[in-house]
Protein backbone atom coordinates (compact mmCIF):
# COMPACT_ATOMS: atom_id res chain seq x y z
CA MET A 1 -35.43 150.32 83.94
CA ARG A 2 -36.15 147.03 82.15
CA TYR A 3 -34.96 146.84 79.37
CA ALA A 4 -21.08 162.55 60.96
CA ILE A 5 -22.76 162.62 57.70
CA ALA A 6 -24.72 159.71 56.35
CA SER A 7 -22.98 157.56 53.77
CA LEU A 8 -23.75 158.25 50.10
CA ILE A 9 -25.22 154.79 49.66
CA PHE A 10 -27.64 155.26 52.55
CA LEU A 11 -28.59 158.73 51.40
CA THR A 12 -29.28 157.66 47.83
CA SER A 13 -31.31 154.60 48.79
CA SER A 14 -33.40 156.59 51.27
CA LEU A 15 -34.18 159.46 48.93
CA PHE A 16 -35.72 157.16 46.36
CA ALA A 17 -37.40 154.78 48.80
CA GLN A 18 -41.13 154.39 48.55
CA GLU A 19 -43.52 155.05 51.41
CA SER A 20 -43.76 152.55 54.24
CA HIS A 21 -46.79 152.35 56.48
CA ILE A 22 -48.59 150.22 59.03
CA VAL A 23 -52.00 150.48 60.69
CA VAL A 24 -52.48 148.44 63.85
CA GLU A 25 -55.08 148.26 66.62
CA ALA A 26 -53.04 148.68 69.78
CA TYR A 27 -54.94 146.50 72.26
CA SER A 28 -55.36 143.44 70.06
CA GLY A 29 -52.25 143.93 67.93
CA LYS A 30 -54.36 143.35 64.83
CA VAL A 31 -52.53 144.60 61.72
CA LEU A 32 -55.14 146.27 59.51
CA SER A 33 -52.94 147.55 56.71
CA ALA A 34 -49.22 147.47 55.89
CA SER A 35 -46.84 148.19 53.05
CA GLY A 36 -43.08 147.94 53.34
CA ALA A 37 -43.60 147.88 57.10
CA THR A 38 -40.45 145.83 57.80
CA ASN A 39 -38.12 147.79 55.50
CA LYS A 40 -35.21 149.30 57.44
CA ARG A 41 -34.89 153.04 56.91
CA SER A 42 -34.25 156.34 58.64
CA VAL A 43 -37.18 157.48 60.78
CA ALA A 44 -35.98 161.00 61.62
CA SER A 45 -37.49 162.47 64.80
CA LEU A 46 -39.76 159.50 65.38
CA THR A 47 -36.59 158.44 67.22
CA LYS A 48 -37.68 160.83 69.97
CA ILE A 49 -40.54 158.47 70.86
CA ALA A 50 -37.95 156.06 72.25
CA THR A 51 -36.09 158.97 73.86
CA ALA A 52 -39.24 159.94 75.73
CA ILE A 53 -39.93 156.38 76.87
CA VAL A 54 -36.43 155.95 78.31
CA ALA A 55 -36.59 159.33 80.05
CA VAL A 56 -40.04 158.74 81.57
CA ASP A 57 -39.14 155.20 82.65
CA TRP A 58 -35.94 156.51 84.25
CA ALA A 59 -37.92 159.19 86.11
CA THR A 60 -40.38 156.56 87.34
CA ALA A 61 -37.64 154.16 88.43
CA THR A 62 -35.66 156.87 90.26
CA VAL A 63 -38.72 158.71 91.63
CA THR A 64 -37.63 161.86 89.83
CA ASP A 65 -40.08 164.75 89.43
CA LEU A 66 -40.18 165.76 85.76
CA GLY A 67 -41.53 169.18 86.66
CA THR A 68 -38.85 170.23 89.15
CA THR A 69 -35.73 168.57 87.74
CA THR A 70 -33.67 171.15 85.84
CA ILE A 71 -31.49 170.15 82.90
CA THR A 72 -28.96 172.12 80.86
CA ILE A 73 -28.29 172.22 77.13
CA PRO A 74 -24.80 170.64 76.86
CA GLU A 75 -21.89 171.92 74.80
CA SER A 76 -22.21 168.91 72.52
CA ALA A 77 -25.36 170.55 71.11
CA ASN A 78 -23.03 172.73 69.06
CA LEU A 79 -22.32 169.67 66.93
CA LEU A 80 -25.95 169.75 65.77
CA GLY A 81 -25.56 173.16 64.14
CA GLN A 82 -28.66 175.34 64.39
CA SER A 83 -30.98 172.36 64.67
CA THR A 84 -33.11 173.81 67.45
CA ALA A 85 -36.77 174.48 66.76
CA ILE A 86 -37.36 176.79 69.74
CA GLY A 87 -34.12 178.77 69.75
CA LEU A 88 -32.24 176.96 72.51
CA LYS A 89 -28.55 177.70 73.15
CA VAL A 90 -25.78 175.88 74.96
CA GLY A 91 -26.09 176.59 78.69
CA ASP A 92 -29.84 177.22 78.61
CA THR A 93 -31.82 175.55 81.38
CA MET A 94 -35.33 174.12 81.52
CA THR A 95 -37.17 171.46 83.43
CA LEU A 96 -37.07 167.90 82.20
CA ARG A 97 -40.82 168.09 81.59
CA ASP A 98 -40.46 171.20 79.44
CA ALA A 99 -37.62 169.52 77.54
CA LEU A 100 -39.96 166.62 76.80
CA TYR A 101 -42.57 169.10 75.55
CA ALA A 102 -39.96 170.78 73.34
CA SER A 103 -38.76 167.42 72.04
CA LEU A 104 -42.15 165.82 71.41
CA LEU A 105 -44.23 168.84 70.35
CA ARG A 106 -41.67 170.93 68.45
CA SER A 107 -39.15 168.14 67.74
CA ASP A 108 -36.33 170.21 69.20
CA ASN A 109 -33.04 168.35 68.81
CA TYR A 110 -31.19 170.36 71.47
CA ALA A 111 -33.88 169.43 73.99
CA ALA A 112 -33.66 165.73 73.10
CA LEU A 113 -29.88 165.82 73.44
CA ALA A 114 -30.14 167.57 76.81
CA ILE A 115 -32.56 164.92 78.06
CA ALA A 116 -30.17 162.16 77.00
CA ASN A 117 -27.17 163.94 78.52
CA HIS A 118 -28.87 164.46 81.90
CA VAL A 119 -30.45 161.02 82.19
CA GLY A 120 -27.37 159.25 80.82
CA ALA A 121 -25.12 160.99 83.36
CA ASP A 122 -27.37 159.84 86.20
CA ILE A 123 -27.42 156.28 84.87
CA LEU A 124 -23.62 156.21 84.77
CA ARG A 125 -23.38 157.71 88.26
CA ARG A 126 -25.75 155.18 89.77
CA ARG A 127 -23.79 152.34 88.17
CA GLY A 128 -20.47 153.72 89.35
CA GLN A 129 -19.29 154.07 85.76
CA ILE A 130 -17.68 156.78 83.67
CA GLY A 131 -18.17 157.48 80.02
CA ASP A 132 -20.23 159.43 77.51
CA PRO A 133 -23.65 160.09 79.10
CA VAL A 134 -25.40 160.45 75.73
CA GLN A 135 -24.02 157.11 74.57
CA ALA A 136 -25.14 155.53 77.85
CA PHE A 137 -28.63 156.85 77.15
CA VAL A 138 -28.58 155.58 73.56
CA ASP A 139 -27.55 152.17 74.90
CA GLU A 140 -30.75 152.22 76.97
CA MET A 141 -32.74 153.11 73.85
CA ASN A 142 -31.35 150.03 72.12
CA LYS A 143 -32.15 147.89 75.17
CA LEU A 144 -35.67 149.27 74.95
CA ALA A 145 -35.81 148.23 71.30
CA LYS A 146 -35.05 144.65 72.28
CA PHE A 147 -37.66 144.74 75.04
CA VAL A 148 -40.47 145.92 72.74
CA LEU A 149 -39.43 143.33 70.12
CA ALA A 150 -38.24 145.99 67.68
CA LYS A 151 -35.65 143.67 66.17
CA SER A 152 -35.02 145.80 63.08
CA THR A 153 -34.09 148.97 64.94
CA ARG A 154 -30.72 150.49 65.83
CA PHE A 155 -30.44 153.89 67.47
CA THR A 156 -27.28 155.98 67.22
CA ASN A 157 -28.49 159.18 68.89
CA PRO A 158 -31.50 160.51 70.84
CA HIS A 159 -32.77 163.02 68.25
CA GLY A 160 -32.95 161.22 64.89
CA LEU A 161 -30.59 163.34 62.81
CA ASP A 162 -28.43 161.29 60.44
CA LEU A 163 -25.04 162.54 61.62
CA GLU A 164 -23.09 159.35 62.14
CA SER A 165 -21.17 157.48 59.43
CA LYS A 166 -23.55 154.58 60.10
CA PRO A 167 -26.92 156.22 60.75
CA GLY A 168 -29.59 154.60 62.86
CA TYR A 169 -32.62 152.95 61.37
CA SER A 170 -35.98 151.43 62.19
CA THR A 171 -39.12 150.27 60.39
CA ALA A 172 -42.77 151.29 60.29
CA ALA A 173 -43.64 148.15 62.25
CA ASP A 174 -41.03 148.86 64.91
CA VAL A 175 -42.10 152.51 65.23
CA ALA A 176 -45.63 151.20 65.82
CA ARG A 177 -44.24 149.02 68.63
CA PHE A 178 -42.55 152.03 70.24
CA SER A 179 -45.71 154.07 69.78
CA ILE A 180 -47.93 151.47 71.44
CA HIS A 181 -45.44 151.22 74.31
CA ALA A 182 -45.15 155.02 74.67
CA MET A 183 -48.88 155.61 74.77
CA ARG A 184 -49.21 153.31 77.76
CA ARG A 185 -47.46 156.05 79.77
CA ASN A 186 -49.68 158.83 81.06
CA PRO A 187 -46.97 161.55 80.94
CA ILE A 188 -46.30 160.88 77.25
CA THR A 189 -49.98 160.61 76.33
CA PHE A 190 -50.70 163.89 78.12
CA ILE A 191 -47.82 165.69 76.41
CA THR A 192 -48.38 164.55 72.86
CA ARG A 193 -52.08 165.41 72.80
CA GLN A 194 -51.46 169.11 73.54
CA PRO A 195 -51.91 171.52 70.60
CA SER A 196 -49.60 173.99 72.36
CA ARG A 197 -47.76 174.44 75.63
CA GLU A 198 -46.01 177.16 77.59
CA VAL A 199 -42.48 176.17 78.54
CA LYS A 200 -39.82 178.10 80.38
CA ILE A 201 -36.26 178.60 79.14
CA ASN A 202 -33.98 180.13 81.76
CA GLY A 203 -37.17 180.97 83.65
CA ILE A 204 -38.68 182.91 80.74
CA ALA A 205 -42.00 181.65 79.36
CA LYS A 206 -42.32 180.71 75.71
CA THR A 207 -45.33 179.17 73.96
CA ILE A 208 -44.64 176.30 71.56
CA THR A 209 -47.08 174.64 69.18
CA ASN A 210 -47.40 171.00 68.19
CA THR A 211 -45.98 170.12 64.75
CA ASN A 212 -48.66 167.42 64.39
CA GLU A 213 -51.59 169.14 62.69
CA LEU A 214 -53.87 166.18 63.47
CA VAL A 215 -53.78 167.01 67.19
CA GLY A 216 -57.08 168.60 68.14
CA GLU A 217 -59.11 166.38 65.84
CA THR A 218 -61.54 163.99 67.54
CA GLY A 219 -59.81 161.12 69.30
CA ILE A 220 -56.24 162.05 68.34
CA LEU A 221 -53.69 161.55 71.14
CA GLY A 222 -50.52 162.48 69.22
CA ILE A 223 -47.84 161.26 68.91
CA LYS A 224 -44.84 162.43 66.76
CA THR A 225 -43.75 164.00 63.49
CA GLY A 226 -40.35 163.74 61.86
CA THR A 227 -38.59 164.92 58.72
CA THR A 228 -35.04 164.68 57.42
CA GLN A 229 -33.63 164.49 53.91
CA ASN A 230 -32.94 160.80 54.40
CA ALA A 231 -36.25 159.87 55.99
CA GLY A 232 -38.66 162.16 54.18
CA PRO A 233 -41.83 163.31 55.98
CA CYS A 234 -42.80 160.82 58.71
CA LEU A 235 -45.66 160.60 61.18
CA SER A 236 -46.80 158.28 63.94
CA THR A 237 -50.34 158.88 65.20
CA CYS A 238 -52.49 157.44 67.95
CA MET A 239 -56.28 157.66 67.90
CA ASP A 240 -58.82 156.37 70.41
CA ARG A 241 -62.49 155.62 69.91
CA ASP A 242 -65.08 154.80 72.55
CA PRO A 243 -64.95 151.16 73.67
CA VAL A 244 -67.30 148.65 72.10
CA VAL A 245 -69.84 147.47 74.71
CA ARG A 246 -71.69 144.21 74.12
CA ILE A 247 -73.84 141.85 76.15
CA LYS A 248 -72.27 138.45 76.79
CA PRO A 249 -74.32 135.19 76.71
CA ASP A 250 -74.32 135.21 80.52
CA GLY A 251 -75.91 138.66 80.56
CA ASN A 252 -72.81 140.55 81.67
CA LYS A 253 -71.37 143.42 79.69
CA GLY A 254 -68.15 143.01 77.72
CA VAL A 255 -66.06 146.09 77.00
CA THR A 256 -63.48 146.20 74.21
CA PRO A 257 -61.24 149.30 74.11
CA ARG A 258 -60.22 150.62 70.69
CA ARG A 259 -56.96 152.39 69.84
CA LEU A 260 -55.41 152.80 66.42
CA ILE A 261 -51.72 153.40 65.69
CA VAL A 262 -50.82 154.62 62.20
CA VAL A 263 -47.21 155.04 61.09
CA VAL A 264 -46.26 156.51 57.72
CA LEU A 265 -42.64 156.93 56.61
CA ASN A 266 -41.53 159.03 53.64
CA SER A 267 -45.05 160.19 52.79
CA SER A 268 -45.38 163.32 50.64
CA ASP A 269 -48.75 164.10 52.31
CA ARG A 270 -48.34 162.49 55.70
CA PHE A 271 -51.32 164.10 57.45
CA ASN A 272 -53.95 163.40 54.81
CA ARG A 273 -52.42 160.00 54.18
CA THR A 274 -52.82 159.22 57.87
CA ARG A 275 -56.41 160.44 57.88
CA LYS A 276 -57.28 158.05 55.05
CA LEU A 277 -55.42 155.14 56.62
CA MET A 278 -57.30 155.76 59.86
CA ARG A 279 -60.70 155.80 58.18
CA ASP A 280 -59.94 152.59 56.31
CA GLY A 281 -58.32 151.06 59.40
CA TRP A 282 -61.34 151.64 61.61
CA ALA A 283 -63.67 150.19 59.00
CA HIS A 284 -61.50 147.09 58.69
CA TYR A 285 -61.12 146.69 62.45
CA ASP A 286 -64.82 147.09 63.28
CA ALA A 287 -65.75 144.55 60.60
CA TRP A 288 -63.13 142.12 61.96
CA LEU A 289 -64.39 142.61 65.52
CA ALA A 290 -68.04 142.14 64.48
CA ALA A 291 -67.09 138.89 62.72
CA GLY A 292 -65.65 137.49 65.95
CA ALA A 293 -62.07 138.83 65.86
CA ILE A 294 -60.81 135.56 64.40
CA VAL A 295 -57.03 135.19 64.06
CA GLU A 296 -55.87 132.30 61.91
CA ASN A 297 -52.17 133.16 61.65
CA PRO A 298 -50.99 135.26 64.62
CA LYS A 299 -47.45 135.64 63.25
CA HIS A 300 -48.73 137.43 60.16
CA GLU A 301 -51.95 139.00 61.42
CA LEU A 302 -50.79 140.43 64.77
CA LEU A 303 -47.98 142.82 65.66
CA ALA A 304 -45.96 141.21 68.43
CA THR A 305 -45.47 143.52 71.42
CA PRO A 306 -44.82 142.90 75.12
CA PRO A 307 -47.94 143.13 77.32
CA PRO A 308 -48.43 146.20 79.55
CA VAL A 309 -46.56 146.08 82.85
CA LYS A 310 -49.08 145.78 85.68
């Protein structure tokens, strides 16, 4: 690959923090709307976007089949209390793919921890190292943050719960960077757009439903919900529209793909808020594109992200 309880001060500041949001067109990087987008704050289970990227990139790099690789819920999951959305228990087994479904669709913290434990152990083994496999995985998440230019992000775990004395943090802008990067991966795009999915726990089938109520609406590809007391209700959403086709002066056709990423943090009505931001974002983007897509100040008008790997 390339790349304990929260303190009282953090808790208090987060509870009274205002909403942060950003709307960005993914292919051009054009920022269409933003408020408090660079404010550092807890992002709850939006953390699992980075967890999924690291896991999928590891599987690609090691030629690991997500559908046949079995992982186990580790004993360390007991430290998370009953924070399992689909009723997982220590010792339960499931495929890595089903764990990604559980993590991304139902935001299951046990599943996210199991992914990190399995992948982190393999990373350590391949490097000839010993240590905490979950921490090794989190280290990769923070390397990923540097790679995607998410300079205001620090991960402390793979699930997003604020358990450490110094909790992790990110920003709306950085979550947008992770979201753009994640949705370049077919396995993640396929998973997050599913309204529901049958997974198997210890070989027994169980149907889980997506926590993102926008999934199923026209053009929505996911990607992730999140809520904790510190973070408030959070949502990152990806929406595609048909490409814009135009005739160039030489007579050839020009095709411009369109993809919107909307991130809202600490929004009391995250789904309807996202719907409105999307409507306004598309109107702004299409007007900008029709006017020639002029960028006068890239540093302020575009969200910096690394280009897709070809």
